[in-house]
C-alpha atoms as a PDB file:
ATOM      1  CA  UNK A   1      44.048  12.571 -55.978  1.00  0.00           C
ATOM      2  CA  UNK A   2      42.604  13.057 -59.419  1.00  0.00           C
ATOM      3  CA  UNK A   3      39.570  15.368 -59.675  1.00  0.00           C
ATOM      4  CA  UNK A   4      36.172  13.725 -60.185  1.00  0.00           C
ATOM      5  CA  UNK A   5      34.990  13.504 -63.750  1.00  0.00           C
ATOM      6  CA  UNK A   6      31.818  15.486 -64.587  1.00  0.00           C
ATOM      7  CA  UNK A   7      29.913  12.240 -65.222  1.00  0.00           C
ATOM      8  CA  UNK A   8      30.690  11.005 -61.704  1.00  0.00           C
ATOM      9  CA  UNK A   9      29.768  14.346 -60.198  1.00  0.00           C
ATOM     10  CA  UNK A  10      26.421  14.152 -62.044  1.00  0.00           C
ATOM     11  CA  UNK A  11      25.872  10.602 -60.778  1.00  0.00           C
ATOM     12  CA  UNK A  12      26.552  11.556 -57.158  1.00  0.00           C
ATOM     13  CA  UNK A  13      24.180  14.458 -57.597  1.00  0.00           C
ATOM     14  CA  UNK A  14      21.419  12.147 -58.650  1.00  0.00           C
ATOM     15  CA  UNK A  15      21.867  10.055 -55.511  1.00  0.00           C
ATOM     16  CA  UNK A  16      21.815  13.185 -53.400  1.00  0.00           C
ATOM     17  CA  UNK A  17      18.470  14.367 -54.760  1.00  0.00           C
ATOM     18  CA  UNK A  18      16.837  10.980 -55.286  1.00  0.00           C
ATOM     19  CA  UNK A  19      13.701  10.435 -53.166  1.00  0.00           C
ATOM     20  CA  UNK A  20      13.945   8.033 -50.234  1.00  0.00           C
ATOM     21  CA  UNK A  21      13.191   4.445 -51.103  1.00  0.00           C
ATOM     22  CA  UNK A  22      10.080   2.814 -49.669  1.00  0.00           C
ATOM     23  CA  UNK A  23      12.359   0.965 -47.241  1.00  0.00           C
ATOM     24  CA  UNK A  24      13.478   4.306 -45.761  1.00  0.00           C
ATOM     25  CA  UNK A  25      10.395   6.428 -46.315  1.00  0.00           C
ATOM     26  CA  UNK A  26       8.263   5.228 -43.388  1.00  0.00           C
ATOM     27  CA  UNK A  27      10.880   5.599 -40.640  1.00  0.00           C
ATOM     28  CA  UNK A  28       9.547   8.110 -38.110  1.00  0.00           C
ATOM     29  CA  UNK A  29       6.298   8.637 -40.037  1.00  0.00           C
ATOM     30  CA  UNK A  30       2.636   8.052 -39.200  1.00  0.00           C
ATOM     31  CA  UNK A  31       0.195   6.262 -41.479  1.00  0.00           C
ATOM     32  CA  UNK A  32      -3.498   7.118 -41.163  1.00  0.00           C
ATOM     33  CA  UNK A  33      -6.068   4.379 -41.673  1.00  0.00           C
ATOM     34  CA  UNK A  34      -9.440   6.004 -42.397  1.00  0.00           C
ATOM     35  CA  UNK A  35     -12.480   3.832 -41.647  1.00  0.00           C
ATOM     36  CA  UNK A  36     -15.815   4.513 -43.315  1.00  0.00           C
ATOM     37  CA  UNK A  37     -17.813   3.512 -40.231  1.00  0.00           C
ATOM     38  CA  UNK A  38     -18.185   4.534 -36.601  1.00  0.00           C
ATOM     39  CA  UNK A  39     -15.970   3.463 -33.720  1.00  0.00           C
ATOM     40  CA  UNK A  40     -16.927   0.032 -32.418  1.00  0.00           C
ATOM     41  CA  UNK A  41     -18.221  -1.222 -35.766  1.00  0.00           C
ATOM     42  CA  UNK A  42     -16.874  -4.403 -37.343  1.00  0.00           C
ATOM     43  CA  UNK A  43     -14.895  -2.318 -39.823  1.00  0.00           C
ATOM     44  CA  UNK A  44     -13.429  -0.268 -36.994  1.00  0.00           C
ATOM     45  CA  UNK A  45     -12.395  -3.405 -35.080  1.00  0.00           C
ATOM     46  CA  UNK A  46     -10.772  -4.778 -38.231  1.00  0.00           C
ATOM     47  CA  UNK A  47      -8.899  -1.527 -38.895  1.00  0.00           C
ATOM     48  CA  UNK A  48      -7.569  -1.239 -35.355  1.00  0.00           C
ATOM     49  CA  UNK A  49      -6.412  -4.845 -35.481  1.00  0.00           C
ATOM     50  CA  UNK A  50      -4.474  -4.075 -38.678  1.00  0.00           C
ATOM     51  CA  UNK A  51      -3.105  -0.865 -37.147  1.00  0.00           C
ATOM     52  CA  UNK A  52      -1.681  -2.799 -34.191  1.00  0.00           C
ATOM     53  CA  UNK A  53       0.049  -5.490 -36.221  1.00  0.00           C
ATOM     54  CA  UNK A  54       0.973  -4.035 -39.621  1.00  0.00           C
ATOM     55  CA  UNK A  55       3.716  -1.604 -38.451  1.00  0.00           C
ATOM     56  CA  UNK A  56       5.869  -4.560 -37.355  1.00  0.00           C
ATOM     57  CA  UNK A  57       6.102  -5.596 -41.005  1.00  0.00           C
ATOM     58  CA  UNK A  58       6.976  -2.155 -42.438  1.00  0.00           C
ATOM     59  CA  UNK A  59      10.590  -1.027 -42.545  1.00  0.00           C
ATOM     60  CA  UNK A  60      10.958   1.897 -40.156  1.00  0.00           C
ATOM     61  CA  UNK A  61       8.107   0.643 -37.930  1.00  0.00           C
ATOM     62  CA  UNK A  62       5.786   3.632 -38.499  1.00  0.00           C
ATOM     63  CA  UNK A  63       2.805   4.241 -36.265  1.00  0.00           C
ATOM     64  CA  UNK A  64      -0.632   3.572 -37.783  1.00  0.00           C
ATOM     65  CA  UNK A  65      -3.522   5.576 -36.356  1.00  0.00           C
ATOM     66  CA  UNK A  66      -7.201   4.955 -37.100  1.00  0.00           C
ATOM     67  CA  UNK A  67      -9.536   7.801 -38.002  1.00  0.00           C
ATOM     68  CA  UNK A  68     -13.286   7.169 -38.237  1.00  0.00           C
ATOM     69  CA  UNK A  69     -15.179   8.918 -41.028  1.00  0.00           C
ATOM     70  CA  UNK A  70     -18.708   7.465 -41.009  1.00  0.00           C
ATOM     71  CA  UNK A  71     -21.381   8.526 -43.454  1.00  0.00           C
ATOM     72  CA  UNK A  72     -22.947   7.469 -46.720  1.00  0.00           C
ATOM     73  CA  UNK A  73     -22.152   3.812 -46.190  1.00  0.00           C
ATOM     74  CA  UNK A  74     -18.410   4.647 -46.408  1.00  0.00           C
ATOM     75  CA  UNK A  75     -18.871   6.697 -49.592  1.00  0.00           C
ATOM     76  CA  UNK A  76     -17.616   9.845 -47.867  1.00  0.00           C
ATOM     77  CA  UNK A  77     -14.453   8.117 -46.669  1.00  0.00           C
ATOM     78  CA  UNK A  78     -13.844   6.597 -50.102  1.00  0.00           C
ATOM     79  CA  UNK A  79     -14.244   9.933 -51.880  1.00  0.00           C
ATOM     80  CA  UNK A  80     -12.009  11.637 -49.328  1.00  0.00           C
ATOM     81  CA  UNK A  81      -9.100   9.220 -49.604  1.00  0.00           C
ATOM     82  CA  UNK A  82      -9.360   9.013 -53.392  1.00  0.00           C
ATOM     83  CA  UNK A  83      -9.374  12.783 -53.877  1.00  0.00           C
ATOM     84  CA  UNK A  84      -8.278  14.801 -50.841  1.00  0.00           C
ATOM     85  CA  UNK A  85      -6.023  12.714 -48.604  1.00  0.00           C
ATOM     86  CA  UNK A  86      -2.226  12.669 -48.954  1.00  0.00           C
ATOM     87  CA  UNK A  87      -1.034  10.773 -52.014  1.00  0.00           C
ATOM     88  CA  UNK A  88       2.366   9.733 -50.675  1.00  0.00           C
ATOM     89  CA  UNK A  89       1.449   6.372 -49.171  1.00  0.00           C
ATOM     90  CA  UNK A  90       0.717   7.689 -45.674  1.00  0.00           C
ATOM     91  CA  UNK A  91      -3.063   7.327 -45.931  1.00  0.00           C
ATOM     92  CA  UNK A  92      -5.125   4.194 -46.469  1.00  0.00           C
ATOM     93  CA  UNK A  93      -8.834   3.481 -46.101  1.00  0.00           C
ATOM     94  CA  UNK A  94     -10.911   0.519 -45.006  1.00  0.00           C
ATOM     95  CA  UNK A  95     -14.358   0.867 -46.550  1.00  0.00           C
ATOM     96  CA  UNK A  96     -17.504  -1.095 -47.336  1.00  0.00           C
ATOM     97  CA  UNK A  97     -16.989  -3.966 -49.740  1.00  0.00           C
ATOM     98  CA  UNK A  98     -19.577  -2.440 -52.071  1.00  0.00           C
ATOM     99  CA  UNK A  99     -17.485   0.658 -52.718  1.00  0.00           C
ATOM    100  CA  UNK A 100     -15.394  -1.135 -55.341  1.00  0.00           C
ATOM    101  CA  UNK A 101     -18.518  -1.777 -57.408  1.00  0.00           C
ATOM    102  CA  UNK A 102     -20.573   1.317 -56.617  1.00  0.00           C
ATOM    103  CA  UNK A 103     -19.544   3.249 -59.769  1.00  0.00           C
ATOM    104  CA  UNK A 104     -20.455   0.244 -61.902  1.00  0.00           C
ATOM    105  CA  UNK A 105     -23.974   0.368 -60.504  1.00  0.00           C
ATOM    106  CA  UNK A 106     -24.316   4.095 -61.121  1.00  0.00           C
ATOM    107  CA  UNK A 107     -24.270   5.190 -57.492  1.00  0.00           C
ATOM    108  CA  UNK A 108     -24.968   8.841 -56.733  1.00  0.00           C
ATOM    109  CA  UNK A 109     -22.176  10.906 -55.229  1.00  0.00           C
ATOM    110  CA  UNK A 110     -19.343   8.703 -56.490  1.00  0.00           C
ATOM    111  CA  UNK A 111     -16.177  10.738 -57.120  1.00  0.00           C
ATOM    112  CA  UNK A 112     -13.582   8.028 -57.676  1.00  0.00           C
ATOM    113  CA  UNK A 113     -12.583   5.339 -60.160  1.00  0.00           C
ATOM    114  CA  UNK A 114     -12.014   1.966 -58.421  1.00  0.00           C
ATOM    115  CA  UNK A 115      -9.725   0.861 -61.251  1.00  0.00           C
ATOM    116  CA  UNK A 116      -7.344   3.725 -60.460  1.00  0.00           C
ATOM    117  CA  UNK A 117      -7.170   3.103 -56.724  1.00  0.00           C
ATOM    118  CA  UNK A 118      -4.372   1.022 -55.199  1.00  0.00           C
ATOM    119  CA  UNK A 119      -5.995  -1.949 -53.451  1.00  0.00           C
ATOM    120  CA  UNK A 120      -3.907  -3.184 -50.522  1.00  0.00           C
ATOM    121  CA  UNK A 121      -5.873  -6.282 -49.531  1.00  0.00           C
ATOM    122  CA  UNK A 122      -8.708  -7.731 -47.462  1.00  0.00           C
ATOM    123  CA  UNK A 123      -8.461  -9.777 -44.283  1.00  0.00           C
ATOM    124  CA  UNK A 124     -10.919 -12.325 -45.641  1.00  0.00           C
ATOM    125  CA  UNK A 125     -13.639 -13.213 -48.053  1.00  0.00           C
ATOM    126  CA  UNK A 126     -17.105 -13.129 -46.605  1.00  0.00           C
ATOM    127  CA  UNK A 127     -20.483 -14.761 -46.390  1.00  0.00           C
ATOM    128  CA  UNK A 128     -23.393 -12.580 -45.345  1.00  0.00           C
ATOM    129  CA  UNK A 129     -26.614 -13.923 -43.921  1.00  0.00           C
ATOM    130  CA  UNK A 130     -30.158 -12.671 -43.964  1.00  0.00           C
ATOM    131  CA  UNK A 131     -31.427 -12.922 -40.396  1.00  0.00           C
ATOM    132  CA  UNK A 132     -34.774 -12.045 -38.858  1.00  0.00           C
ATOM    133  CA  UNK A 133     -36.301 -12.046 -35.419  1.00  0.00           C
ATOM    134  CA  UNK A 134     -38.187 -15.208 -34.548  1.00  0.00           C
ATOM    135  CA  UNK A 135     -41.291 -13.127 -33.816  1.00  0.00           C
ATOM    136  CA  UNK A 136     -41.238 -11.737 -37.377  1.00  0.00           C
ATOM    137  CA  UNK A 137     -43.425 -14.706 -38.315  1.00  0.00           C
ATOM    138  CA  UNK A 138     -41.269 -16.209 -41.081  1.00  0.00           C
ATOM    139  CA  UNK A 139     -39.008 -19.242 -40.843  1.00  0.00           C
ATOM    140  CA  UNK A 140     -37.907 -19.584 -44.479  1.00  0.00           C
ATOM    141  CA  UNK A 141     -37.090 -17.324 -47.401  1.00  0.00           C
ATOM    142  CA  UNK A 142     -40.206 -18.696 -49.137  1.00  0.00           C
ATOM    143  CA  UNK A 143     -42.368 -17.339 -46.309  1.00  0.00           C
ATOM    144  CA  UNK A 144     -40.681 -13.947 -46.731  1.00  0.00           C
ATOM    145  CA  UNK A 145     -42.169 -13.919 -50.245  1.00  0.00           C
ATOM    146  CA  UNK A 146     -45.636 -13.689 -48.702  1.00  0.00           C
ATOM    147  CA  UNK A 147     -45.164 -11.289 -45.809  1.00  0.00           C
ATOM    148  CA  UNK A 148     -43.535  -7.861 -45.498  1.00  0.00           C
ATOM    149  CA  UNK A 149     -40.469  -7.866 -43.270  1.00  0.00           C
ATOM    150  CA  UNK A 150     -38.808  -4.632 -42.152  1.00  0.00           C
ATOM    151  CA  UNK A 151     -35.000  -4.810 -42.267  1.00  0.00           C
ATOM    152  CA  UNK A 152     -32.264  -2.370 -41.289  1.00  0.00           C
ATOM    153  CA  UNK A 153     -29.839  -1.019 -43.876  1.00  0.00           C
ATOM    154  CA  UNK A 154     -27.073   1.615 -44.040  1.00  0.00           C
ATOM    155  CA  UNK A 155     -27.032   3.666 -47.267  1.00  0.00           C
ATOM    156  CA  UNK A 156     -27.557   2.787 -50.955  1.00  0.00           C
ATOM    157  CA  UNK A 157     -24.546   1.001 -52.363  1.00  0.00           C
ATOM    158  CA  UNK A 158     -24.040  -1.127 -49.268  1.00  0.00           C
ATOM    159  CA  UNK A 159     -24.939  -4.805 -49.040  1.00  0.00           C
ATOM    160  CA  UNK A 160     -27.595  -4.124 -46.429  1.00  0.00           C
ATOM    161  CA  UNK A 161     -29.604  -2.230 -49.059  1.00  0.00           C
ATOM    162  CA  UNK A 162     -28.494  -3.914 -52.287  1.00  0.00           C
ATOM    163  CA  UNK A 163     -29.110  -7.499 -51.191  1.00  0.00           C
ATOM    164  CA  UNK A 164     -32.707  -7.204 -49.907  1.00  0.00           C
ATOM    165  CA  UNK A 165     -33.572  -5.189 -53.026  1.00  0.00           C
ATOM    166  CA  UNK A 166     -31.999  -7.956 -55.111  1.00  0.00           C
ATOM    167  CA  UNK A 167     -34.087 -10.595 -53.314  1.00  0.00           C
ATOM    168  CA  UNK A 168     -37.279  -8.570 -53.740  1.00  0.00           C
ATOM    169  CA  UNK A 169     -36.693  -8.372 -57.490  1.00  0.00           C
ATOM    170  CA  UNK A 170     -35.274 -11.868 -57.975  1.00  0.00           C
ATOM    171  CA  UNK A 171     -37.428 -13.970 -55.657  1.00  0.00           C
ATOM    172  CA  UNK A 172     -40.411 -11.760 -54.948  1.00  0.00           C
ATOM    173  CA  UNK A 173     -39.662 -11.283 -51.266  1.00  0.00           C
ATOM    174  CA  UNK A 174     -41.274  -8.335 -49.514  1.00  0.00           C
ATOM    175  CA  UNK A 175     -38.435  -6.756 -47.561  1.00  0.00           C
ATOM    176  CA  UNK A 176     -38.974  -3.131 -46.588  1.00  0.00           C
ATOM    177  CA  UNK A 177     -35.614  -1.446 -46.002  1.00  0.00           C
ATOM    178  CA  UNK A 178     -35.121   1.243 -43.365  1.00  0.00           C
ATOM    179  CA  UNK A 179     -31.884   3.070 -44.224  1.00  0.00           C
ATOM    180  CA  UNK A 180     -29.648   5.506 -42.396  1.00  0.00           C
ATOM    181  CA  UNK A 181     -27.928   3.269 -39.863  1.00  0.00           C
ATOM    182  CA  UNK A 182     -24.287   4.243 -39.414  1.00  0.00           C
ATOM    183  CA  UNK A 183     -22.792   0.907 -38.414  1.00  0.00           C
ATOM    184  CA  UNK A 184     -23.393  -2.805 -38.124  1.00  0.00           C
ATOM    185  CA  UNK A 185     -23.576  -2.423 -34.361  1.00  0.00           C
ATOM    186  CA  UNK A 186     -26.407   0.101 -34.687  1.00  0.00           C
ATOM    187  CA  UNK A 187     -28.290  -2.268 -36.961  1.00  0.00           C
ATOM    188  CA  UNK A 188     -27.713  -5.199 -34.603  1.00  0.00           C
ATOM    189  CA  UNK A 189     -29.105  -3.153 -31.709  1.00  0.00           C
ATOM    190  CA  UNK A 190     -32.091  -2.123 -33.815  1.00  0.00           C
ATOM    191  CA  UNK A 191     -32.870  -5.795 -34.427  1.00  0.00           C
ATOM    192  CA  UNK A 192     -32.463  -6.745 -30.753  1.00  0.00           C
ATOM    193  CA  UNK A 193     -34.717  -3.873 -29.637  1.00  0.00           C
ATOM    194  CA  UNK A 194     -37.418  -4.826 -32.130  1.00  0.00           C
ATOM    195  CA  UNK A 195     -37.033  -1.500 -33.921  1.00  0.00           C
ATOM    196  CA  UNK A 196     -36.768  -3.560 -37.122  1.00  0.00           C
ATOM    197  CA  UNK A 197     -37.442  -7.240 -37.774  1.00  0.00           C
ATOM    198  CA  UNK A 198     -34.098  -8.185 -39.279  1.00  0.00           C
ATOM    199  CA  UNK A 199     -31.074  -7.338 -41.395  1.00  0.00           C
ATOM    200  CA  UNK A 200     -30.931  -7.879 -45.134  1.00  0.00           C
ATOM    201  CA  UNK A 201     -27.184  -8.488 -44.990  1.00  0.00           C
ATOM    202  CA  UNK A 202     -25.317  -9.419 -41.821  1.00  0.00           C
ATOM    203  CA  UNK A 203     -21.667 -10.358 -42.097  1.00  0.00           C
ATOM    204  CA  UNK A 204     -21.314 -13.882 -40.761  1.00  0.00           C
ATOM    205  CA  UNK A 205     -18.080 -12.934 -38.977  1.00  0.00           C
ATOM    206  CA  UNK A 206     -19.916 -10.081 -37.238  1.00  0.00           C
ATOM    207  CA  UNK A 207     -23.000 -12.179 -36.581  1.00  0.00           C
ATOM    208  CA  UNK A 208     -20.921 -14.719 -34.678  1.00  0.00           C
ATOM    209  CA  UNK A 209     -19.760 -12.048 -32.230  1.00  0.00           C
ATOM    210  CA  UNK A 210     -22.920  -9.916 -32.103  1.00  0.00           C
ATOM    211  CA  UNK A 211     -25.834 -12.321 -32.301  1.00  0.00           C
ATOM    212  CA  UNK A 212     -24.850 -15.974 -31.933  1.00  0.00           C
ATOM    213  CA  UNK A 213     -26.284 -16.172 -28.405  1.00  0.00           C
ATOM    214  CA  UNK A 214     -29.629 -14.879 -29.691  1.00  0.00           C
ATOM    215  CA  UNK A 215     -29.601 -17.498 -32.453  1.00  0.00           C
ATOM    216  CA  UNK A 216     -28.916 -20.275 -29.944  1.00  0.00           C
ATOM    217  CA  UNK A 217     -31.777 -19.032 -27.757  1.00  0.00           C
ATOM    218  CA  UNK A 218     -34.144 -19.189 -30.713  1.00  0.00           C
ATOM    219  CA  UNK A 219     -34.641 -15.426 -30.838  1.00  0.00           C
ATOM    220  CA  UNK A 220     -33.231 -15.102 -34.364  1.00  0.00           C
ATOM    221  CA  UNK A 221     -33.540 -17.137 -37.547  1.00  0.00           C
ATOM    222  CA  UNK A 222     -31.176 -17.231 -40.506  1.00  0.00           C
ATOM    223  CA  UNK A 223     -33.117 -17.490 -43.762  1.00  0.00           C
ATOM    224  CA  UNK A 224     -30.435 -17.310 -46.443  1.00  0.00           C
ATOM    225  CA  UNK A 225     -26.701 -17.119 -47.156  1.00  0.00           C
ATOM    226  CA  UNK A 226     -25.598 -14.349 -49.518  1.00  0.00           C
ATOM    227  CA  UNK A 227     -22.312 -15.255 -51.189  1.00  0.00           C
ATOM    228  CA  UNK A 228     -20.993 -17.218 -54.166  1.00  0.00           C
ATOM    229  CA  UNK A 229     -20.370 -20.198 -51.829  1.00  0.00           C
ATOM    230  CA  UNK A 230     -21.704 -21.373 -48.464  1.00  0.00           C
ATOM    231  CA  UNK A 231     -19.840 -21.157 -45.210  1.00  0.00           C
ATOM    232  CA  UNK A 232     -19.192 -24.616 -43.730  1.00  0.00           C
ATOM    233  CA  UNK A 233     -20.689 -23.263 -40.480  1.00  0.00           C
ATOM    234  CA  UNK A 234     -24.213 -23.254 -41.992  1.00  0.00           C
ATOM    235  CA  UNK A 235     -24.594 -26.384 -44.130  1.00  0.00           C
ATOM    236  CA  UNK A 236     -28.385 -26.470 -43.781  1.00  0.00           C
ATOM    237  CA  UNK A 237     -29.085 -22.808 -44.586  1.00  0.00           C
ATOM    238  CA  UNK A 238     -29.846 -22.282 -48.293  1.00  0.00           C
ATOM    239  CA  UNK A 239     -27.563 -20.214 -50.524  1.00  0.00           C
ATOM    240  CA  UNK A 240     -28.950 -17.489 -52.763  1.00  0.00           C
ATOM    241  CA  UNK A 241     -27.270 -19.178 -55.746  1.00  0.00           C
ATOM    242  CA  UNK A 242     -29.599 -22.162 -55.156  1.00  0.00           C
ATOM    243  CA  UNK A 243     -32.425 -20.006 -56.534  1.00  0.00           C
ATOM    244  CA  UNK A 244     -30.746 -19.172 -59.854  1.00  0.00           C
ATOM    245  CA  UNK A 245     -32.993 -20.115 -62.788  1.00  0.00           C
ATOM    246  CA  UNK A 246     -30.665 -19.603 -65.764  1.00  0.00           C
ATOM    247  CA  UNK A 247     -27.124 -18.651 -66.840  1.00  0.00           C
ATOM    248  CA  UNK A 248     -27.973 -14.973 -67.141  1.00  0.00           C
ATOM    249  CA  UNK A 249     -29.210 -14.805 -63.568  1.00  0.00           C
ATOM    250  CA  UNK A 250     -26.051 -16.587 -62.476  1.00  0.00           C
ATOM    251  CA  UNK A 251     -23.883 -13.923 -64.148  1.00  0.00           C
ATOM    252  CA  UNK A 252     -25.945 -11.153 -62.604  1.00  0.00           C
ATOM    253  CA  UNK A 253     -25.739 -12.636 -59.116  1.00  0.00           C
ATOM    254  CA  UNK A 254     -22.014 -13.216 -59.448  1.00  0.00           C
ATOM    255  CA  UNK A 255     -21.652  -9.523 -60.236  1.00  0.00           C
ATOM    256  CA  UNK A 256     -23.828  -8.453 -57.311  1.00  0.00           C
ATOM    257  CA  UNK A 257     -22.105 -10.805 -54.872  1.00  0.00           C
ATOM    258  CA  UNK A 258     -18.556 -10.032 -56.015  1.00  0.00           C
ATOM    259  CA  UNK A 259     -17.988  -7.726 -53.072  1.00  0.00           C
ATOM    260  CA  UNK A 260     -17.975 -10.767 -50.795  1.00  0.00           C
ATOM    261  CA  UNK A 261     -14.596 -11.648 -52.294  1.00  0.00           C
ATOM    262  CA  UNK A 262     -13.172  -8.378 -50.929  1.00  0.00           C
ATOM    263  CA  UNK A 263     -15.050  -8.288 -47.657  1.00  0.00           C
ATOM    264  CA  UNK A 264     -12.869  -5.818 -45.712  1.00  0.00           C
ATOM    265  CA  UNK A 265     -11.112  -3.867 -48.484  1.00  0.00           C
ATOM    266  CA  UNK A 266      -8.195  -1.559 -47.788  1.00  0.00           C
ATOM    267  CA  UNK A 267      -6.966   0.843 -50.469  1.00  0.00           C
ATOM    268  CA  UNK A 268      -4.616   3.773 -50.954  1.00  0.00           C
ATOM    269  CA  UNK A 269      -4.906   6.665 -53.438  1.00  0.00           C
ATOM    270  CA  UNK A 270      -4.039   5.858 -57.024  1.00  0.00           C
ATOM    271  CA  UNK A 271      -1.184   8.375 -57.085  1.00  0.00           C
ATOM    272  CA  UNK A 272       0.775   6.717 -54.256  1.00  0.00           C
ATOM    273  CA  UNK A 273       4.259   5.596 -55.400  1.00  0.00           C
ATOM    274  CA  UNK A 274       4.370   2.018 -56.684  1.00  0.00           C
ATOM    275  CA  UNK A 275       7.246   0.911 -54.443  1.00  0.00           C
ATOM    276  CA  UNK A 276       5.404   2.085 -51.318  1.00  0.00           C
ATOM    277  CA  UNK A 277       2.237   0.314 -52.430  1.00  0.00           C
ATOM    278  CA  UNK A 278       4.196  -2.911 -52.977  1.00  0.00           C
ATOM    279  CA  UNK A 279       5.638  -2.581 -49.473  1.00  0.00           C
ATOM    280  CA  UNK A 280       2.219  -1.915 -47.918  1.00  0.00           C
ATOM    281  CA  UNK A 281       0.646  -4.848 -49.751  1.00  0.00           C
ATOM    282  CA  UNK A 282       3.326  -7.219 -48.515  1.00  0.00           C
ATOM    283  CA  UNK A 283       3.176  -5.881 -44.967  1.00  0.00           C
ATOM    284  CA  UNK A 284      -0.615  -6.247 -44.942  1.00  0.00           C
ATOM    285  CA  UNK A 285      -0.444  -9.920 -45.953  1.00  0.00           C
ATOM    286  CA  UNK A 286       2.423 -10.569 -43.532  1.00  0.00           C
ATOM    287  CA  UNK A 287       0.142  -9.565 -40.641  1.00  0.00           C
ATOM    288  CA  UNK A 288      -1.782 -12.804 -41.062  1.00  0.00           C
ATOM    289  CA  UNK A 289       1.289 -15.022 -40.931  1.00  0.00           C
ATOM    290  CA  UNK A 290       2.101 -14.453 -37.260  1.00  0.00           C
ATOM    291  CA  UNK A 291       0.652 -16.527 -34.458  1.00  0.00           C
ATOM    292  CA  UNK A 292       0.056 -13.469 -32.274  1.00  0.00           C
ATOM    293  CA  UNK A 293      -2.100 -11.829 -34.963  1.00  0.00           C
ATOM    294  CA  UNK A 294      -3.980 -15.062 -35.680  1.00  0.00           C
ATOM    295  CA  UNK A 295      -4.771 -15.539 -31.993  1.00  0.00           C
ATOM    296  CA  UNK A 296      -5.993 -11.970 -31.607  1.00  0.00           C
ATOM    297  CA  UNK A 297      -8.078 -12.251 -34.785  1.00  0.00           C
ATOM    298  CA  UNK A 298      -9.762 -15.323 -33.328  1.00  0.00           C
ATOM    299  CA  UNK A 299     -10.539 -13.498 -30.084  1.00  0.00           C
ATOM    300  CA  UNK A 300     -11.982 -10.548 -31.996  1.00  0.00           C
ATOM    301  CA  UNK A 301     -14.039 -12.707 -34.347  1.00  0.00           C
ATOM    302  CA  UNK A 302     -12.051 -11.624 -37.400  1.00  0.00           C
ATOM    303  CA  UNK A 303     -11.952 -14.339 -40.037  1.00  0.00           C
ATOM    304  CA  UNK A 304      -8.516 -14.837 -41.574  1.00  0.00           C
ATOM    305  CA  UNK A 305      -8.578 -15.728 -45.251  1.00  0.00           C
ATOM    306  CA  UNK A 306      -6.484 -12.872 -46.688  1.00  0.00           C
ATOM    307  CA  UNK A 307      -7.056 -11.620 -50.208  1.00  0.00           C
ATOM    308  CA  UNK A 308      -4.045  -9.925 -51.890  1.00  0.00           C
ATOM    309  CA  UNK A 309      -4.532  -6.435 -53.267  1.00  0.00           C
ATOM    310  CA  UNK A 310      -3.429  -7.522 -56.729  1.00  0.00           C
ATOM    311  CA  UNK A 311      -6.221 -10.105 -56.719  1.00  0.00           C
ATOM    312  CA  UNK A 312      -8.785  -7.446 -55.843  1.00  0.00           C
ATOM    313  CA  UNK A 313      -7.388  -5.225 -58.602  1.00  0.00           C
ATOM    314  CA  UNK A 314      -7.668  -8.037 -61.169  1.00  0.00           C
ATOM    315  CA  UNK A 315     -11.193  -8.940 -60.073  1.00  0.00           C
ATOM    316  CA  UNK A 316     -12.390  -5.353 -60.481  1.00  0.00           C
ATOM    317  CA  UNK A 317     -10.799  -5.133 -63.935  1.00  0.00           C
ATOM    318  CA  UNK A 318     -12.723  -8.261 -64.927  1.00  0.00           C
ATOM    319  CA  UNK A 319     -16.041  -7.102 -63.455  1.00  0.00           C
ATOM    320  CA  UNK A 320     -15.860  -3.675 -65.093  1.00  0.00           C
ATOM    321  CA  UNK A 321     -15.469  -5.473 -68.428  1.00  0.00           C
ATOM    322  CA  UNK A 322     -18.843  -7.237 -67.959  1.00  0.00           C
ATOM    323  CA  UNK A 323     -21.319  -6.965 -70.869  1.00  0.00           C
ATOM    324  CA  UNK A 324     -23.374  -3.759 -70.530  1.00  0.00           C
ATOM    325  CA  UNK A 325     -26.661  -5.661 -70.654  1.00  0.00           C
ATOM    326  CA  UNK A 326     -25.612  -7.771 -67.657  1.00  0.00           C
ATOM    327  CA  UNK A 327     -24.595  -4.649 -65.744  1.00  0.00           C
ATOM    328  CA  UNK A 328     -27.927  -2.980 -66.509  1.00  0.00           C
ATOM    329  CA  UNK A 329     -29.898  -6.003 -65.351  1.00  0.00           C
ATOM    330  CA  UNK A 330     -27.766  -6.231 -62.212  1.00  0.00           C
ATOM    331  CA  UNK A 331     -28.557  -2.581 -61.487  1.00  0.00           C
ATOM    332  CA  UNK A 332     -32.262  -3.213 -61.939  1.00  0.00           C
ATOM    333  CA  UNK A 333     -32.185  -6.319 -59.765  1.00  0.00           C
ATOM    334  CA  UNK A 334     -30.445  -4.381 -56.999  1.00  0.00           C
ATOM    335  CA  UNK A 335     -33.054  -1.622 -57.192  1.00  0.00           C
ATOM    336  CA  UNK A 336     -30.565   0.883 -58.647  1.00  0.00           C
END
């Protein structure tokens, strides 16, 4: 047998030292999904649903474990995954929808660039509602322009703080925001106990599981929908876009409401290898194609209208190219 030529020896050497492909990488490994909210929250439920179903669509069938990292309206979790967590594709995060836009609005404590993160996807787009207790003494958003209403909110940068501030500055409502709540469930309980009179932003998907019975009993009222478009479930509840007075306000509101198009965003660090990100993005979307996952999502109250990670990436690129004057006015309108 003739000896191998040096070129062939070099080629075999390359194969020997080449890193494992994404198809092989995840075999026997564990992926950590970090959630920016407490156990039992809507984000936590969403993450654990993904963790149960996504491994079936990843070559090697890795385990996905969920780790809760509440605090700062998911800012702590976002900073951690962007800067400290492993960069090899074994860590992802599910965070508040506002985290993608927080740097644009000049949020304090931000230590990441959303345009450099690898967005994996979102299980759905979202409509949020502004809901108050029936004994708060207001039945319409117009009445909330005349009377102070105390609403629960997490931390600055989250919808529960941004949206009522936006309404105060845009419409002249008188919402007083009590911040510091660690999860949607905590805020829901605060409303039910009468600790506060309402929530300035309540995910409609979460509302349907947490508060629909109270709405049917007449104990809660929904004053407004907060999204670019209405949900078909609430045809008679006004949309915030109905109150737009000019094109500039429309642009500003579209910027402020953009997070609704990435309602449950999952991302990985920007340094993660491209082939692993492509695999994770595909596996994430494949979750929502199986009947078993769809049935469980329905039982859990998780809306299924998946948004691809590349779409989130493109949307953020577009929003960060907004005219500076529109960004500044959006910041002011949101109380930033």
